[in-house]
PDB file of N, CA and C in Angstrom:
ATOM      1  N   MET A   1     -28.852   5.473   1.316  1.00  0.00           N
ATOM      2  CA  MET A   1     -28.188   4.291   1.861  1.00  0.00           C
ATOM      3  C   MET A   1     -27.186   3.755   0.840  1.00  0.00           C
ATOM      4  N   ALA A   2     -26.012   3.413   1.283  1.00  0.00           N
ATOM      5  CA  ALA A   2     -24.968   2.918   0.397  1.00  0.00           C
ATOM      6  C   ALA A   2     -25.328   1.531  -0.106  1.00  0.00           C
ATOM      7  N   GLU A   3     -25.022   1.295  -1.369  1.00  0.00           N
ATOM      8  CA  GLU A   3     -25.296  -0.001  -1.964  1.00  0.00           C
ATOM      9  C   GLU A   3     -24.320  -1.028  -1.404  1.00  0.00           C
ATOM     10  N   THR A   4     -24.807  -2.258  -1.238  1.00  0.00           N
ATOM     11  CA  THR A   4     -23.921  -3.329  -0.794  1.00  0.00           C
ATOM     12  C   THR A   4     -23.637  -4.231  -1.991  1.00  0.00           C
ATOM     13  N   TYR A   5     -22.499  -4.855  -1.969  1.00  0.00           N
ATOM     14  CA  TYR A   5     -22.059  -5.691  -3.077  1.00  0.00           C
ATOM     15  C   TYR A   5     -21.744  -7.081  -2.567  1.00  0.00           C
ATOM     16  N   ASP A   6     -21.940  -8.046  -3.436  1.00  0.00           N
ATOM     17  CA  ASP A   6     -21.650  -9.435  -3.105  1.00  0.00           C
ATOM     18  C   ASP A   6     -20.293  -9.790  -3.716  1.00  0.00           C
ATOM     19  N   PHE A   7     -19.224  -9.297  -3.068  1.00  0.00           N
ATOM     20  CA  PHE A   7     -17.887  -9.532  -3.588  1.00  0.00           C
ATOM     21  C   PHE A   7     -17.501 -10.999  -3.430  1.00  0.00           C
ATOM     22  N   PRO A   8     -16.858 -11.569  -4.440  1.00  0.00           N
ATOM     23  CA  PRO A   8     -16.388 -12.953  -4.306  1.00  0.00           C
ATOM     24  C   PRO A   8     -15.302 -13.056  -3.227  1.00  0.00           C
ATOM     25  N   GLY A   9     -15.210 -14.219  -2.618  1.00  0.00           N
ATOM     26  CA  GLY A   9     -14.269 -14.430  -1.521  1.00  0.00           C
ATOM     27  C   GLY A   9     -12.821 -14.174  -1.897  1.00  0.00           C
ATOM     28  N   ASP A  10     -12.402 -14.604  -3.098  1.00  0.00           N
ATOM     29  CA  ASP A  10     -11.000 -14.396  -3.475  1.00  0.00           C
ATOM     30  C   ASP A  10     -10.685 -12.916  -3.666  1.00  0.00           C
ATOM     31  N   LEU A  11     -11.665 -12.148  -4.136  1.00  0.00           N
ATOM     32  CA  LEU A  11     -11.468 -10.704  -4.297  1.00  0.00           C
ATOM     33  C   LEU A  11     -11.382 -10.028  -2.927  1.00  0.00           C
ATOM     34  N   LEU A  12     -12.258 -10.414  -2.013  1.00  0.00           N
ATOM     35  CA  LEU A  12     -12.192  -9.877  -0.646  1.00  0.00           C
ATOM     36  C   LEU A  12     -10.856 -10.211   0.020  1.00  0.00           C
ATOM     37  N   ALA A  13     -10.422 -11.446  -0.135  1.00  0.00           N
ATOM     38  CA  ALA A  13      -9.154 -11.869   0.467  1.00  0.00           C
ATOM     39  C   ALA A  13      -7.980 -11.111  -0.146  1.00  0.00           C
ATOM     40  N   GLY A  14      -8.017 -10.919  -1.461  1.00  0.00           N
ATOM     41  CA  GLY A  14      -6.952 -10.163  -2.125  1.00  0.00           C
ATOM     42  C   GLY A  14      -6.899  -8.724  -1.648  1.00  0.00           C
ATOM     43  N   GLN A  15      -8.068  -8.087  -1.512  1.00  0.00           N
ATOM     44  CA  GLN A  15      -8.103  -6.702  -1.039  1.00  0.00           C
ATOM     45  C   GLN A  15      -7.630  -6.611   0.405  1.00  0.00           C
ATOM     46  N   GLU A  16      -8.028  -7.568   1.239  1.00  0.00           N
ATOM     47  CA  GLU A  16      -7.603  -7.558   2.642  1.00  0.00           C
ATOM     48  C   GLU A  16      -6.091  -7.737   2.747  1.00  0.00           C
ATOM     49  N   GLU A  17      -5.534  -8.658   1.964  1.00  0.00           N
ATOM     50  CA  GLU A  17      -4.075  -8.839   1.989  1.00  0.00           C
ATOM     51  C   GLU A  17      -3.374  -7.584   1.472  1.00  0.00           C
ATOM     52  N   LEU A  18      -3.963  -6.922   0.476  1.00  0.00           N
ATOM     53  CA  LEU A  18      -3.388  -5.672  -0.036  1.00  0.00           C
ATOM     54  C   LEU A  18      -3.338  -4.617   1.066  1.00  0.00           C
ATOM     55  N   HIS A  19      -4.418  -4.499   1.843  1.00  0.00           N
ATOM     56  CA  HIS A  19      -4.417  -3.573   2.989  1.00  0.00           C
ATOM     57  C   HIS A  19      -3.282  -3.927   3.958  1.00  0.00           C
ATOM     58  N   GLN A  20      -3.132  -5.210   4.258  1.00  0.00           N
ATOM     59  CA  GLN A  20      -2.128  -5.661   5.215  1.00  0.00           C
ATOM     60  C   GLN A  20      -0.710  -5.401   4.715  1.00  0.00           C
ATOM     61  N   VAL A  21      -0.465  -5.709   3.444  1.00  0.00           N
ATOM     62  CA  VAL A  21       0.867  -5.507   2.874  1.00  0.00           C
ATOM     63  C   VAL A  21       1.213  -4.022   2.852  1.00  0.00           C
ATOM     64  N   ARG A  22       0.250  -3.188   2.486  1.00  0.00           N
ATOM     65  CA  ARG A  22       0.509  -1.742   2.470  1.00  0.00           C
ATOM     66  C   ARG A  22       0.796  -1.216   3.875  1.00  0.00           C
ATOM     67  N   ALA A  23       0.079  -1.705   4.867  1.00  0.00           N
ATOM     68  CA  ALA A  23       0.328  -1.274   6.240  1.00  0.00           C
ATOM     69  C   ALA A  23       1.713  -1.726   6.711  1.00  0.00           C
ATOM     70  N   GLU A  24       2.077  -2.957   6.375  1.00  0.00           N
ATOM     71  CA  GLU A  24       3.388  -3.479   6.761  1.00  0.00           C
ATOM     72  C   GLU A  24       4.511  -2.701   6.072  1.00  0.00           C
ATOM     73  N   LEU A  25       4.342  -2.402   4.788  1.00  0.00           N
ATOM     74  CA  LEU A  25       5.339  -1.630   4.051  1.00  0.00           C
ATOM     75  C   LEU A  25       5.468  -0.222   4.617  1.00  0.00           C
ATOM     76  N   SER A  26       4.354   0.408   4.917  1.00  0.00           N
ATOM     77  CA  SER A  26       4.377   1.749   5.484  1.00  0.00           C
ATOM     78  C   SER A  26       5.103   1.769   6.826  1.00  0.00           C
ATOM     79  N   ALA A  27       4.810   0.796   7.671  1.00  0.00           N
ATOM     80  CA  ALA A  27       5.462   0.725   8.989  1.00  0.00           C
ATOM     81  C   ALA A  27       6.966   0.490   8.830  1.00  0.00           C
ATOM     82  N   LEU A  28       7.344  -0.362   7.907  1.00  0.00           N
ATOM     83  CA  LEU A  28       8.754  -0.631   7.676  1.00  0.00           C
ATOM     84  C   LEU A  28       9.474   0.624   7.191  1.00  0.00           C
ATOM     85  N   LEU A  29       8.888   1.323   6.225  1.00  0.00           N
ATOM     86  CA  LEU A  29       9.521   2.530   5.684  1.00  0.00           C
ATOM     87  C   LEU A  29       9.663   3.619   6.753  1.00  0.00           C
ATOM     88  N   LYS A  30       8.736   3.684   7.683  1.00  0.00           N
ATOM     89  CA  LYS A  30       8.835   4.668   8.773  1.00  0.00           C
ATOM     90  C   LYS A  30       9.980   4.338   9.721  1.00  0.00           C
ATOM     91  N   ARG A  31      10.289   3.058   9.877  1.00  0.00           N
ATOM     92  CA  ARG A  31      11.368   2.633  10.772  1.00  0.00           C
ATOM     93  C   ARG A  31      12.757   2.785  10.141  1.00  0.00           C
ATOM     94  N   LEU A  32      12.828   2.719   8.834  1.00  0.00           N
ATOM     95  CA  LEU A  32      14.115   2.740   8.143  1.00  0.00           C
ATOM     96  C   LEU A  32      14.685   4.153   8.058  1.00  0.00           C
ATOM     97  N   PRO A  33      16.002   4.274   7.896  1.00  0.00           N
ATOM     98  CA  PRO A  33      16.597   5.592   7.683  1.00  0.00           C
ATOM     99  C   PRO A  33      16.007   6.260   6.443  1.00  0.00           C
ATOM    100  N   TRP A  34      16.094   7.567   6.383  1.00  0.00           N
ATOM    101  CA  TRP A  34      15.468   8.334   5.308  1.00  0.00           C
ATOM    102  C   TRP A  34      16.107   8.087   3.949  1.00  0.00           C
ATOM    103  N   SER A  35      17.348   7.610   3.910  1.00  0.00           N
ATOM    104  CA  SER A  35      18.044   7.381   2.644  1.00  0.00           C
ATOM    105  C   SER A  35      18.449   5.920   2.517  1.00  0.00           C
ATOM    106  N   VAL A  36      18.249   5.366   1.337  1.00  0.00           N
ATOM    107  CA  VAL A  36      18.652   3.982   1.081  1.00  0.00           C
ATOM    108  C   VAL A  36      20.171   3.872   1.157  1.00  0.00           C
ATOM    109  N   GLU A  37      20.854   4.830   0.582  1.00  0.00           N
ATOM    110  CA  GLU A  37      22.319   4.868   0.588  1.00  0.00           C
ATOM    111  C   GLU A  37      22.808   5.693   1.781  1.00  0.00           C
ATOM    112  N   PRO A  38      23.995   5.377   2.320  1.00  0.00           N
ATOM    113  CA  PRO A  38      24.541   6.216   3.395  1.00  0.00           C
ATOM    114  C   PRO A  38      24.767   7.646   2.885  1.00  0.00           C
ATOM    115  N   LEU A  39      24.255   8.613   3.624  1.00  0.00           N
ATOM    116  CA  LEU A  39      24.421  10.021   3.266  1.00  0.00           C
ATOM    117  C   LEU A  39      24.630  10.855   4.517  1.00  0.00           C
ATOM    118  N   ASP A  40      25.361  11.951   4.341  1.00  0.00           N
ATOM    119  CA  ASP A  40      25.542  12.903   5.435  1.00  0.00           C
ATOM    120  C   ASP A  40      24.222  13.602   5.718  1.00  0.00           C
ATOM    121  N   GLY A  41      24.084  14.089   6.924  1.00  0.00           N
ATOM    122  CA  GLY A  41      22.917  14.887   7.270  1.00  0.00           C
ATOM    123  C   GLY A  41      22.999  16.256   6.623  1.00  0.00           C
ATOM    124  N   PHE A  42      21.878  16.971   6.626  1.00  0.00           N
ATOM    125  CA  PHE A  42      21.889  18.319   6.055  1.00  0.00           C
ATOM    126  C   PHE A  42      20.800  19.169   6.670  1.00  0.00           C
ATOM    127  N   SER A  43      20.955  20.472   6.483  1.00  0.00           N
ATOM    128  CA  SER A  43      19.955  21.441   6.906  1.00  0.00           C
ATOM    129  C   SER A  43      19.831  22.470   5.799  1.00  0.00           C
ATOM    130  N   ASP A  44      18.623  22.742   5.375  1.00  0.00           N
ATOM    131  CA  ASP A  44      18.399  23.693   4.284  1.00  0.00           C
ATOM    132  C   ASP A  44      17.215  24.581   4.656  1.00  0.00           C
ATOM    133  N   ASP A  45      17.471  25.890   4.795  1.00  0.00           N
ATOM    134  CA  ASP A  45      16.374  26.812   5.089  1.00  0.00           C
ATOM    135  C   ASP A  45      16.242  27.882   4.002  1.00  0.00           C
ATOM    136  N   ASN A  46      16.700  27.552   2.790  1.00  0.00           N
ATOM    137  CA  ASN A  46      16.602  28.501   1.673  1.00  0.00           C
ATOM    138  C   ASN A  46      15.296  28.377   0.905  1.00  0.00           C
ATOM    139  N   GLY A  47      14.533  27.355   1.166  1.00  0.00           N
ATOM    140  CA  GLY A  47      13.260  27.156   0.472  1.00  0.00           C
ATOM    141  C   GLY A  47      12.116  27.765   1.264  1.00  0.00           C
ATOM    142  N   TRP A  48      10.914  27.356   0.957  1.00  0.00           N
ATOM    143  CA  TRP A  48       9.733  27.891   1.633  1.00  0.00           C
ATOM    144  C   TRP A  48       9.552  27.320   3.025  1.00  0.00           C
ATOM    145  N   ARG A  49      10.285  26.230   3.317  1.00  0.00           N
ATOM    146  CA  ARG A  49      10.280  25.690   4.676  1.00  0.00           C
ATOM    147  C   ARG A  49      11.643  25.064   4.947  1.00  0.00           C
ATOM    148  N   LYS A  50      11.998  25.014   6.194  1.00  0.00           N
ATOM    149  CA  LYS A  50      13.284  24.447   6.580  1.00  0.00           C
ATOM    150  C   LYS A  50      13.209  22.922   6.525  1.00  0.00           C
ATOM    151  N   VAL A  51      14.241  22.308   5.957  1.00  0.00           N
ATOM    152  CA  VAL A  51      14.322  20.860   5.871  1.00  0.00           C
ATOM    153  C   VAL A  51      15.612  20.430   6.547  1.00  0.00           C
ATOM    154  N   GLU A  52      15.487  19.482   7.456  1.00  0.00           N
ATOM    155  CA  GLU A  52      16.663  18.941   8.135  1.00  0.00           C
ATOM    156  C   GLU A  52      16.585  17.416   8.127  1.00  0.00           C
ATOM    157  N   ARG A  53      17.723  16.810   7.908  1.00  0.00           N
ATOM    158  CA  ARG A  53      17.814  15.356   7.969  1.00  0.00           C
ATOM    159  C   ARG A  53      19.095  14.988   8.701  1.00  0.00           C
ATOM    160  N   PRO A  54      19.031  14.025   9.607  1.00  0.00           N
ATOM    161  CA  PRO A  54      20.255  13.548  10.257  1.00  0.00           C
ATOM    162  C   PRO A  54      21.040  12.681   9.265  1.00  0.00           C
ATOM    163  N   ALA A  55      22.258  12.368   9.599  1.00  0.00           N
ATOM    164  CA  ALA A  55      23.034  11.456   8.753  1.00  0.00           C
ATOM    165  C   ALA A  55      22.292  10.123   8.655  1.00  0.00           C
ATOM    166  N   SER A  56      22.348   9.521   7.478  1.00  0.00           N
ATOM    167  CA  SER A  56      21.673   8.239   7.263  1.00  0.00           C
ATOM    168  C   SER A  56      22.714   7.143   7.058  1.00  0.00           C
ATOM    169  N   PRO A  57      22.615   6.068   7.828  1.00  0.00           N
ATOM    170  CA  PRO A  57      23.548   4.953   7.621  1.00  0.00           C
ATOM    171  C   PRO A  57      23.178   4.139   6.373  1.00  0.00           C
ATOM    172  N   GLY A  58      22.018   4.440   5.778  1.00  0.00           N
ATOM    173  CA  GLY A  58      21.545   3.654   4.634  1.00  0.00           C
ATOM    174  C   GLY A  58      20.821   2.404   5.103  1.00  0.00           C
ATOM    175  N   TRP A  59      20.327   1.668   4.137  1.00  0.00           N
ATOM    176  CA  TRP A  59      19.609   0.433   4.435  1.00  0.00           C
ATOM    177  C   TRP A  59      20.546  -0.750   4.249  1.00  0.00           C
ATOM    178  N   THR A  60      20.359  -1.766   5.062  1.00  0.00           N
ATOM    179  CA  THR A  60      21.120  -3.001   4.883  1.00  0.00           C
ATOM    180  C   THR A  60      20.569  -3.753   3.673  1.00  0.00           C
ATOM    181  N   ALA A  61      21.304  -4.729   3.206  1.00  0.00           N
ATOM    182  CA  ALA A  61      20.839  -5.560   2.083  1.00  0.00           C
ATOM    183  C   ALA A  61      19.534  -6.270   2.457  1.00  0.00           C
ATOM    184  N   ASP A  62      19.426  -6.720   3.716  1.00  0.00           N
ATOM    185  CA  ASP A  62      18.204  -7.395   4.162  1.00  0.00           C
ATOM    186  C   ASP A  62      17.014  -6.432   4.163  1.00  0.00           C
ATOM    187  N   GLU A  63      17.241  -5.194   4.595  1.00  0.00           N
ATOM    188  CA  GLU A  63      16.164  -4.195   4.598  1.00  0.00           C
ATOM    189  C   GLU A  63      15.723  -3.873   3.172  1.00  0.00           C
ATOM    190  N   GLN A  64      16.682  -3.725   2.277  1.00  0.00           N
ATOM    191  CA  GLN A  64      16.345  -3.463   0.882  1.00  0.00           C
ATOM    192  C   GLN A  64      15.551  -4.624   0.279  1.00  0.00           C
ATOM    193  N   ALA A  65      15.955  -5.841   0.610  1.00  0.00           N
ATOM    194  CA  ALA A  65      15.261  -7.025   0.106  1.00  0.00           C
ATOM    195  C   ALA A  65      13.833  -7.096   0.653  1.00  0.00           C
ATOM    196  N   GLU A  66      13.656  -6.760   1.928  1.00  0.00           N
ATOM    197  CA  GLU A  66      12.318  -6.790   2.539  1.00  0.00           C
ATOM    198  C   GLU A  66      11.404  -5.749   1.894  1.00  0.00           C
ATOM    199  N   VAL A  67      11.925  -4.546   1.664  1.00  0.00           N
ATOM    200  CA  VAL A  67      11.129  -3.510   0.995  1.00  0.00           C
ATOM    201  C   VAL A  67      10.763  -3.964  -0.415  1.00  0.00           C
ATOM    202  N   GLU A  68      11.712  -4.525  -1.135  1.00  0.00           N
ATOM    203  CA  GLU A  68      11.450  -4.988  -2.504  1.00  0.00           C
ATOM    204  C   GLU A  68      10.404  -6.098  -2.511  1.00  0.00           C
ATOM    205  N   LYS A  69      10.508  -7.036  -1.554  1.00  0.00           N
ATOM    206  CA  LYS A  69       9.547  -8.138  -1.461  1.00  0.00           C
ATOM    207  C   LYS A  69       8.131  -7.606  -1.215  1.00  0.00           C
ATOM    208  N   LEU A  70       8.005  -6.652  -0.290  1.00  0.00           N
ATOM    209  CA  LEU A  70       6.686  -6.084   0.010  1.00  0.00           C
ATOM    210  C   LEU A  70       6.145  -5.268  -1.170  1.00  0.00           C
ATOM    211  N   ARG A  71       7.003  -4.506  -1.828  1.00  0.00           N
ATOM    212  CA  ARG A  71       6.552  -3.729  -2.989  1.00  0.00           C
ATOM    213  C   ARG A  71       6.103  -4.647  -4.120  1.00  0.00           C
ATOM    214  N   GLN A  72       6.823  -5.747  -4.328  1.00  0.00           N
ATOM    215  CA  GLN A  72       6.451  -6.705  -5.368  1.00  0.00           C
ATOM    216  C   GLN A  72       5.097  -7.345  -5.039  1.00  0.00           C
ATOM    217  N   ARG A  73       4.911  -7.738  -3.787  1.00  0.00           N
ATOM    218  CA  ARG A  73       3.628  -8.350  -3.389  1.00  0.00           C
ATOM    219  C   ARG A  73       2.492  -7.341  -3.504  1.00  0.00           C
ATOM    220  N   GLU A  74       2.758  -6.087  -3.121  1.00  0.00           N
ATOM    221  CA  GLU A  74       1.755  -5.038  -3.255  1.00  0.00           C
ATOM    222  C   GLU A  74       1.342  -4.890  -4.719  1.00  0.00           C
ATOM    223  N   HIS A  75       2.304  -4.899  -5.608  1.00  0.00           N
ATOM    224  CA  HIS A  75       2.013  -4.779  -7.045  1.00  0.00           C
ATOM    225  C   HIS A  75       1.177  -5.967  -7.531  1.00  0.00           C
ATOM    226  N   GLU A  76       1.577  -7.189  -7.157  1.00  0.00           N
ATOM    227  CA  GLU A  76       0.834  -8.386  -7.565  1.00  0.00           C
ATOM    228  C   GLU A  76      -0.620  -8.315  -7.105  1.00  0.00           C
ATOM    229  N   LEU A  77      -0.814  -7.920  -5.850  1.00  0.00           N
ATOM    230  CA  LEU A  77      -2.171  -7.850  -5.301  1.00  0.00           C
ATOM    231  C   LEU A  77      -2.989  -6.735  -5.956  1.00  0.00           C
ATOM    232  N   ALA A  78      -2.369  -5.598  -6.211  1.00  0.00           N
ATOM    233  CA  ALA A  78      -3.079  -4.490  -6.856  1.00  0.00           C
ATOM    234  C   ALA A  78      -3.534  -4.901  -8.252  1.00  0.00           C
ATOM    235  N   VAL A  79      -2.687  -5.607  -8.979  1.00  0.00           N
ATOM    236  CA  VAL A  79      -3.059  -6.088 -10.315  1.00  0.00           C
ATOM    237  C   VAL A  79      -4.185  -7.115 -10.199  1.00  0.00           C
ATOM    238  N   PHE A  80      -4.068  -8.053  -9.252  1.00  0.00           N
ATOM    239  CA  PHE A  80      -5.109  -9.065  -9.063  1.00  0.00           C
ATOM    240  C   PHE A  80      -6.462  -8.427  -8.771  1.00  0.00           C
ATOM    241  N   VAL A  81      -6.473  -7.501  -7.825  1.00  0.00           N
ATOM    242  CA  VAL A  81      -7.733  -6.863  -7.427  1.00  0.00           C
ATOM    243  C   VAL A  81      -8.303  -6.019  -8.561  1.00  0.00           C
ATOM    244  N   SER A  82      -7.477  -5.231  -9.211  1.00  0.00           N
ATOM    245  CA  SER A  82      -7.992  -4.300 -10.222  1.00  0.00           C
ATOM    246  C   SER A  82      -8.396  -4.980 -11.523  1.00  0.00           C
ATOM    247  N   THR A  83      -7.887  -6.176 -11.788  1.00  0.00           N
ATOM    248  CA  THR A  83      -8.245  -6.869 -13.039  1.00  0.00           C
ATOM    249  C   THR A  83      -9.140  -8.082 -12.793  1.00  0.00           C
ATOM    250  N   HIS A  84      -9.667  -8.222 -11.597  1.00  0.00           N
ATOM    251  CA  HIS A  84     -10.516  -9.368 -11.253  1.00  0.00           C
ATOM    252  C   HIS A  84     -11.732  -9.420 -12.181  1.00  0.00           C
ATOM    253  N   ARG A  85     -12.137 -10.610 -12.556  1.00  0.00           N
ATOM    254  CA  ARG A  85     -13.277 -10.796 -13.474  1.00  0.00           C
ATOM    255  C   ARG A  85     -14.583 -10.202 -12.934  1.00  0.00           C
ATOM    256  N   TYR A  86     -14.679 -10.025 -11.618  1.00  0.00           N
ATOM    257  CA  TYR A  86     -15.887  -9.464 -11.006  1.00  0.00           C
ATOM    258  C   TYR A  86     -16.223  -8.089 -11.569  1.00  0.00           C
ATOM    259  N   TRP A  87     -15.201  -7.292 -11.900  1.00  0.00           N
ATOM    260  CA  TRP A  87     -15.444  -5.920 -12.357  1.00  0.00           C
ATOM    261  C   TRP A  87     -16.126  -5.868 -13.714  1.00  0.00           C
ATOM    262  N   ALA A  88     -16.126  -6.960 -14.468  1.00  0.00           N
ATOM    263  CA  ALA A  88     -16.789  -6.994 -15.776  1.00  0.00           C
ATOM    264  C   ALA A  88     -18.304  -6.836 -15.646  1.00  0.00           C
ATOM    265  N   GLU A  89     -18.840  -7.082 -14.465  1.00  0.00           N
ATOM    266  CA  GLU A  89     -20.278  -6.941 -14.229  1.00  0.00           C
ATOM    267  C   GLU A  89     -20.727  -5.481 -14.201  1.00  0.00           C
ATOM    268  N   PHE A  90     -19.774  -4.550 -14.098  1.00  0.00           N
ATOM    269  CA  PHE A  90     -20.106  -3.140 -13.903  1.00  0.00           C
ATOM    270  C   PHE A  90     -19.594  -2.296 -15.068  1.00  0.00           C
ATOM    271  N   THR A  91     -20.226  -1.134 -15.218  1.00  0.00           N
ATOM    272  CA  THR A  91     -19.761  -0.163 -16.208  1.00  0.00           C
ATOM    273  C   THR A  91     -19.713   1.214 -15.558  1.00  0.00           C
ATOM    274  N   GLY A  92     -18.872   2.064 -16.102  1.00  0.00           N
ATOM    275  CA  GLY A  92     -18.822   3.470 -15.699  1.00  0.00           C
ATOM    276  C   GLY A  92     -18.730   3.709 -14.213  1.00  0.00           C
ATOM    277  N   THR A  93     -19.580   4.615 -13.751  1.00  0.00           N
ATOM    278  CA  THR A  93     -19.528   5.007 -12.342  1.00  0.00           C
ATOM    279  C   THR A  93     -19.965   3.869 -11.414  1.00  0.00           C
ATOM    280  N   ASP A  94     -20.739   2.921 -11.930  1.00  0.00           N
ATOM    281  CA  ASP A  94     -21.102   1.763 -11.101  1.00  0.00           C
ATOM    282  C   ASP A  94     -19.846   0.990 -10.698  1.00  0.00           C
ATOM    283  N   ARG A  95     -18.913   0.849 -11.636  1.00  0.00           N
ATOM    284  CA  ARG A  95     -17.665   0.150 -11.345  1.00  0.00           C
ATOM    285  C   ARG A  95     -16.841   0.940 -10.320  1.00  0.00           C
ATOM    286  N   VAL A  96     -16.804   2.246 -10.481  1.00  0.00           N
ATOM    287  CA  VAL A  96     -16.069   3.101  -9.545  1.00  0.00           C
ATOM    288  C   VAL A  96     -16.669   2.974  -8.147  1.00  0.00           C
ATOM    289  N   ASP A  97     -17.983   3.017  -8.059  1.00  0.00           N
ATOM    290  CA  ASP A  97     -18.658   2.895  -6.759  1.00  0.00           C
ATOM    291  C   ASP A  97     -18.401   1.527  -6.120  1.00  0.00           C
ATOM    292  N   ALA A  98     -18.451   0.477  -6.933  1.00  0.00           N
ATOM    293  CA  ALA A  98     -18.207  -0.867  -6.404  1.00  0.00           C
ATOM    294  C   ALA A  98     -16.764  -1.002  -5.933  1.00  0.00           C
ATOM    295  N   ARG A  99     -15.838  -0.453  -6.703  1.00  0.00           N
ATOM    296  CA  ARG A  99     -14.419  -0.526  -6.316  1.00  0.00           C
ATOM    297  C   ARG A  99     -14.187   0.232  -5.005  1.00  0.00           C
ATOM    298  N   ALA A 100     -14.811   1.392  -4.875  1.00  0.00           N
ATOM    299  CA  ALA A 100     -14.694   2.152  -3.631  1.00  0.00           C
ATOM    300  C   ALA A 100     -15.294   1.347  -2.473  1.00  0.00           C
ATOM    301  N   GLY A 101     -16.391   0.673  -2.735  1.00  0.00           N
ATOM    302  CA  GLY A 101     -17.009  -0.168  -1.708  1.00  0.00           C
ATOM    303  C   GLY A 101     -16.079  -1.276  -1.252  1.00  0.00           C
ATOM    304  N   LEU A 102     -15.373  -1.895  -2.201  1.00  0.00           N
ATOM    305  CA  LEU A 102     -14.431  -2.957  -1.837  1.00  0.00           C
ATOM    306  C   LEU A 102     -13.291  -2.413  -0.991  1.00  0.00           C
ATOM    307  N   LYS A 103     -12.784  -1.243  -1.340  1.00  0.00           N
ATOM    308  CA  LYS A 103     -11.659  -0.672  -0.607  1.00  0.00           C
ATOM    309  C   LYS A 103     -12.002  -0.431   0.861  1.00  0.00           C
ATOM    310  N   HIS A 104     -13.270  -0.229   1.145  1.00  0.00           N
ATOM    311  CA  HIS A 104     -13.699   0.058   2.513  1.00  0.00           C
ATOM    312  C   HIS A 104     -14.339  -1.140   3.205  1.00  0.00           C
ATOM    313  N   THR A 105     -14.304  -2.286   2.550  1.00  0.00           N
ATOM    314  CA  THR A 105     -14.846  -3.509   3.140  1.00  0.00           C
ATOM    315  C   THR A 105     -13.724  -4.256   3.823  1.00  0.00           C
ATOM    316  N   ARG A 106     -13.969  -4.667   5.029  1.00  0.00           N
ATOM    317  CA  ARG A 106     -12.989  -5.461   5.772  1.00  0.00           C
ATOM    318  C   ARG A 106     -13.575  -6.846   6.027  1.00  0.00           C
ATOM    319  N   ILE A 107     -12.742  -7.849   5.897  1.00  0.00           N
ATOM    320  CA  ILE A 107     -13.172  -9.213   6.214  1.00  0.00           C
ATOM    321  C   ILE A 107     -13.278  -9.312   7.722  1.00  0.00           C
ATOM    322  N   ARG A 108     -14.388  -9.751   8.176  1.00  0.00           N
ATOM    323  CA  ARG A 108     -14.606  -9.884   9.609  1.00  0.00           C
ATOM    324  C   ARG A 108     -14.269 -11.317  10.004  1.00  0.00           C
ATOM    325  N   ASN A 109     -13.359 -11.470  10.943  1.00  0.00           N
ATOM    326  CA  ASN A 109     -12.999 -12.795  11.428  1.00  0.00           C
ATOM    327  C   ASN A 109     -14.062 -13.279  12.406  1.00  0.00           C
ATOM    328  N   PRO A 110     -14.675 -14.432  12.135  1.00  0.00           N
ATOM    329  CA  PRO A 110     -15.679 -14.942  13.091  1.00  0.00           C
ATOM    330  C   PRO A 110     -15.012 -15.344  14.393  1.00  0.00           C
ATOM    331  N   GLU A 111     -15.670 -15.025  15.470  1.00  0.00           N
ATOM    332  CA  GLU A 111     -15.095 -15.335  16.797  1.00  0.00           C
ATOM    333  C   GLU A 111     -15.888 -16.411  17.477  1.00  0.00           C
TER     334      GLU A 111
END
């Protein structure tokens, strides 16, 4: 049976927001053109697999700013979660197991 942990509320909230920010960033990057700068399309079949990309109009200044904002928030949250005082309670593989447990814990909204 997997061990359960009594994670502090601020750590749970930080991890949950980190999940949300990463999901939002991933969805945004999937919607954006493949290149930040405008570039012509290309086709290359000289490697081990064929690679094709359509022409990219590049990202707008607003899109670049949104990606930067999300990446900055992701970094802040990752630092907060990974350096939280709670981890001082653990050593070695216990800390690794607890961290893995947090990554898979979701805050349940009461209904």
